[in-house]
């Protein structure tokens, strides 16, 4: 049977917090799903060549063509990104751009239901720090709006600045640990954040999964009336 929902992770880190959060939401929906890790693909950004105008098929010869076909066939999706340099990561943005091929004449992305997962090492709402979460959420949300998709919500998870695992996080003059957590912060005091340890996230994942499941189920009922 065909896939109903696809989960997409822009994180290049193996089995990352973003990966695990997206997979968990897919599992909780109970829908037929597929998980895609963008770093496993050869995926270039959109070239703005307009070669897709007449066929609604991208002409760039890479994995984006098959990904676009998969995305076109599903009713719902979860897009998981993270926030390097205080905005949405390049792979997630490239994915969004490449789905443009469905837009011309037929509005082929319209009617889908979407949710976002954003992993960030920059805590949202902290004065003096960049609004990384808000920026990434807006990028995904406005993309959905422009394509006629329904945005069912965003789950924010606490990620880890790369300085935590680079081996120089305590003595590097450019460390992000002190920028984010204060001048006395260290690798040990900050620790490694995991999706599973945040007590608020299981409920948030269940809520997004419920919304996705109900939206897809309601769409199926309407189509068969």
Protein backbone atom coordinates (compact mmCIF):
# COMPACT_ATOMS: atom_id res chain seq x y z
CA UNK A 1 0.00 0.00 0.00
CA UNK A 2 1.12 3.57 -0.63
CA UNK A 3 2.88 5.73 1.91
CA UNK A 4 0.57 8.17 3.69
CA UNK A 5 3.11 10.29 5.55
CA UNK A 6 6.79 11.02 5.07
CA UNK A 7 9.25 12.18 7.71
CA UNK A 8 12.21 14.23 6.52
CA UNK A 9 15.28 15.09 8.57
CA UNK A 10 17.74 17.78 7.58
CA UNK A 11 20.20 16.80 10.30
CA UNK A 12 23.45 15.22 9.04
CA UNK A 13 24.30 13.79 12.49
CA UNK A 14 23.75 9.99 12.60
CA UNK A 15 20.68 9.05 14.64
CA UNK A 16 20.35 12.65 15.76
CA UNK A 17 17.79 14.17 18.10
CA UNK A 18 16.03 15.46 15.00
CA UNK A 19 15.96 12.00 13.42
CA UNK A 20 14.59 10.35 16.53
CA UNK A 21 11.92 12.99 17.09
CA UNK A 22 10.68 12.76 13.51
CA UNK A 23 10.65 8.96 13.65
CA UNK A 24 8.73 9.02 16.93
CA UNK A 25 6.02 11.25 15.51
CA UNK A 26 5.69 9.00 12.46
CA UNK A 27 5.36 5.97 14.72
CA UNK A 28 2.72 7.62 16.87
CA UNK A 29 0.54 8.54 13.88
CA UNK A 30 -0.03 4.87 13.10
CA UNK A 31 -0.03 5.82 9.41
CA UNK A 32 1.96 4.12 6.66
CA UNK A 33 5.17 6.08 6.74
CA UNK A 34 8.66 6.48 5.36
CA UNK A 35 11.63 8.27 6.93
CA UNK A 36 14.11 10.16 4.74
CA UNK A 37 17.47 11.50 5.92
CA UNK A 38 18.51 14.21 3.51
CA UNK A 39 22.24 13.80 4.17
CA UNK A 40 21.97 10.30 2.67
CA UNK A 41 20.84 11.80 -0.63
CA UNK A 42 22.45 13.72 -3.45
CA UNK A 43 20.24 16.80 -3.21
CA UNK A 44 21.10 20.13 -4.80
CA UNK A 45 19.13 23.33 -4.21
CA UNK A 46 16.66 24.55 -6.82
CA UNK A 47 18.36 26.17 -9.83
CA UNK A 48 15.40 28.43 -10.67
CA UNK A 49 15.68 27.17 -14.25
CA UNK A 50 11.91 26.71 -14.70
CA UNK A 51 12.52 23.45 -16.53
CA UNK A 52 9.61 21.96 -14.57
CA UNK A 53 6.93 24.39 -15.79
CA UNK A 54 5.28 22.15 -18.38
CA UNK A 55 5.79 18.74 -16.77
CA UNK A 56 5.82 19.40 -13.01
CA UNK A 57 8.97 17.26 -12.92
CA UNK A 58 12.33 18.60 -11.83
CA UNK A 59 15.03 18.40 -14.49
CA UNK A 60 17.97 18.30 -12.05
CA UNK A 61 19.44 14.80 -12.28
CA UNK A 62 19.87 13.87 -8.62
CA UNK A 63 17.92 12.22 -5.79
CA UNK A 64 15.60 15.21 -5.58
CA UNK A 65 13.55 13.85 -8.46
CA UNK A 66 12.59 10.64 -6.63
CA UNK A 67 12.07 12.58 -3.41
CA UNK A 68 9.68 14.93 -5.19
CA UNK A 69 7.69 11.97 -6.50
CA UNK A 70 7.49 10.48 -3.00
CA UNK A 71 6.38 13.80 -1.54
CA UNK A 72 3.77 14.31 -4.24
CA UNK A 73 2.11 11.02 -3.33
CA UNK A 74 1.69 11.54 0.43
CA UNK A 75 -1.05 13.31 2.33
CA UNK A 76 1.12 14.51 5.21
CA UNK A 77 4.70 15.09 6.29
CA UNK A 78 6.95 15.96 9.20
CA UNK A 79 9.94 18.15 8.37
CA UNK A 80 12.73 18.13 10.92
CA UNK A 81 15.37 20.83 10.70
CA UNK A 82 17.96 22.45 12.91
CA UNK A 83 19.34 25.97 13.26
CA UNK A 84 22.99 26.50 12.25
CA UNK A 85 23.75 30.22 12.13
CA UNK A 86 20.33 31.01 13.60
CA UNK A 87 18.17 29.92 10.67
CA UNK A 88 16.94 26.75 9.00
CA UNK A 89 19.65 24.34 7.83
CA UNK A 90 20.63 24.19 4.17
CA UNK A 91 19.41 20.63 3.48
CA UNK A 92 15.90 21.30 4.79
CA UNK A 93 15.76 24.51 2.80
CA UNK A 94 16.97 22.72 -0.34
CA UNK A 95 14.21 20.13 0.12
CA UNK A 96 11.59 22.87 0.39
CA UNK A 97 12.90 24.60 -2.73
CA UNK A 98 12.96 21.41 -4.79
CA UNK A 99 9.28 20.72 -4.12
CA UNK A 100 8.57 23.85 -6.17
CA UNK A 101 8.35 21.67 -9.27
CA UNK A 102 4.84 20.59 -8.21
CA UNK A 103 3.54 24.14 -8.02
CA UNK A 104 3.04 25.19 -11.65
CA UNK A 105 -0.55 25.18 -12.99
CA UNK A 106 -1.77 22.36 -10.69
CA UNK A 107 -0.73 23.47 -7.20
CA UNK A 108 0.44 19.94 -6.52
CA UNK A 109 1.52 20.58 -2.91
CA UNK A 110 -1.77 22.13 -1.87
CA UNK A 111 -3.92 20.23 0.57
CA UNK A 112 -1.11 18.43 2.36
CA UNK A 113 -0.89 18.48 6.14
CA UNK A 114 2.48 19.28 7.66
CA UNK A 115 4.25 19.57 10.98
CA UNK A 116 7.74 20.72 11.88
CA UNK A 117 10.42 19.61 14.31
CA UNK A 118 13.11 22.17 15.04
CA UNK A 119 16.23 21.25 16.99
CA UNK A 120 18.13 24.22 18.32
CA UNK A 121 21.07 24.85 20.61
CA UNK A 122 19.90 28.46 20.93
CA UNK A 123 17.14 28.58 23.57
CA UNK A 124 14.07 30.41 22.25
CA UNK A 125 13.00 33.67 23.83
CA UNK A 126 16.32 34.52 25.54
CA UNK A 127 17.14 38.22 25.38
CA UNK A 128 20.40 38.91 23.55
CA UNK A 129 20.41 35.63 21.64
CA UNK A 130 19.29 35.22 18.02
CA UNK A 131 15.65 34.17 17.46
CA UNK A 132 16.82 30.96 15.77
CA UNK A 133 13.76 28.87 16.58
CA UNK A 134 11.34 31.57 15.58
CA UNK A 135 13.19 32.16 12.31
CA UNK A 136 13.25 28.47 11.33
CA UNK A 137 9.61 27.98 12.30
CA UNK A 138 8.62 30.99 10.19
CA UNK A 139 10.60 29.71 7.19
CA UNK A 140 8.81 26.36 7.27
CA UNK A 141 5.44 27.86 8.14
CA UNK A 142 5.47 30.44 5.35
CA UNK A 143 6.61 27.79 2.86
CA UNK A 144 3.54 25.75 3.78
CA UNK A 145 1.33 28.82 3.49
CA UNK A 146 2.68 29.72 0.05
CA UNK A 147 2.08 26.17 -1.19
CA UNK A 148 -1.47 25.90 0.20
CA UNK A 149 -0.56 23.31 2.83
CA UNK A 150 -2.00 23.16 6.35
CA UNK A 151 0.50 23.76 9.14
CA UNK A 152 -0.45 21.61 12.14
CA UNK A 153 2.27 22.90 14.44
CA UNK A 154 5.91 22.90 15.46
CA UNK A 155 7.75 20.93 18.13
CA UNK A 156 10.97 22.49 19.42
CA UNK A 157 13.67 20.25 20.85
CA UNK A 158 16.83 21.31 22.64
CA UNK A 159 19.77 20.42 20.46
CA UNK A 160 23.50 20.59 21.05
CA UNK A 161 25.97 23.16 19.82
CA UNK A 162 28.77 21.32 17.92
CA UNK A 163 31.28 22.61 20.50
CA UNK A 164 29.91 20.02 22.93
CA UNK A 165 31.46 17.17 20.92
CA UNK A 166 34.37 18.76 19.01
CA UNK A 167 36.90 18.14 21.80
CA UNK A 168 37.89 21.81 22.15
CA UNK A 169 34.68 23.21 23.60
CA UNK A 170 36.19 24.42 26.88
CA UNK A 171 39.33 26.14 25.60
CA UNK A 172 38.40 27.47 22.15
CA UNK A 173 38.02 31.25 22.05
CA UNK A 174 35.14 30.86 19.58
CA UNK A 175 33.20 28.30 21.62
CA UNK A 176 29.45 28.59 21.35
CA UNK A 177 29.00 27.08 24.80
CA UNK A 178 29.83 30.32 26.61
CA UNK A 179 27.87 32.42 24.14
CA UNK A 180 24.74 30.37 24.72
CA UNK A 181 25.08 29.46 28.39
CA UNK A 182 27.25 32.12 30.00
CA UNK A 183 30.97 32.76 30.64
CA UNK A 184 31.27 30.06 33.31
CA UNK A 185 29.65 27.30 31.23
CA UNK A 186 31.65 24.21 30.32
CA UNK A 187 31.04 21.06 28.30
CA UNK A 188 30.45 19.17 31.54
CA UNK A 189 28.08 21.74 33.06
CA UNK A 190 25.96 22.01 29.92
CA UNK A 191 25.94 18.32 29.06
CA UNK A 192 24.47 16.58 26.03
CA UNK A 193 20.76 17.15 25.52
CA UNK A 194 18.66 14.29 24.20
CA UNK A 195 15.14 14.22 22.82
CA UNK A 196 14.12 11.44 25.18
CA UNK A 197 15.16 13.26 28.37
CA UNK A 198 12.95 16.32 27.86
CA UNK A 199 9.82 15.63 29.90
CA UNK A 200 7.64 17.95 27.81
CA UNK A 201 8.38 16.36 24.46
CA UNK A 202 6.52 13.03 24.63
CA UNK A 203 3.24 14.89 25.03
CA UNK A 204 4.15 17.34 22.27
CA UNK A 205 5.01 14.47 19.91
CA UNK A 206 1.75 12.71 20.71
CA UNK A 207 -0.23 15.89 20.05
CA UNK A 208 1.36 16.48 16.65
CA UNK A 209 0.90 12.82 15.74
CA UNK A 210 -2.77 12.98 16.74
CA UNK A 211 -3.35 16.05 14.58
CA UNK A 212 -1.64 14.43 11.60
CA UNK A 213 -3.53 11.16 12.01
CA UNK A 214 -6.90 12.88 12.32
CA UNK A 215 -6.20 15.18 9.39
CA UNK A 216 -5.24 12.31 7.09
CA UNK A 217 -8.13 10.14 8.31
CA UNK A 218 -10.60 12.98 7.78
CA UNK A 219 -9.25 13.59 4.29
CA UNK A 220 -9.67 9.89 3.43
CA UNK A 221 -13.28 9.87 4.66
CA UNK A 222 -14.08 12.97 2.56
CA UNK A 223 -12.57 11.43 -0.56
CA UNK A 224 -14.74 8.32 -0.23
CA UNK A 225 -18.07 10.00 0.34
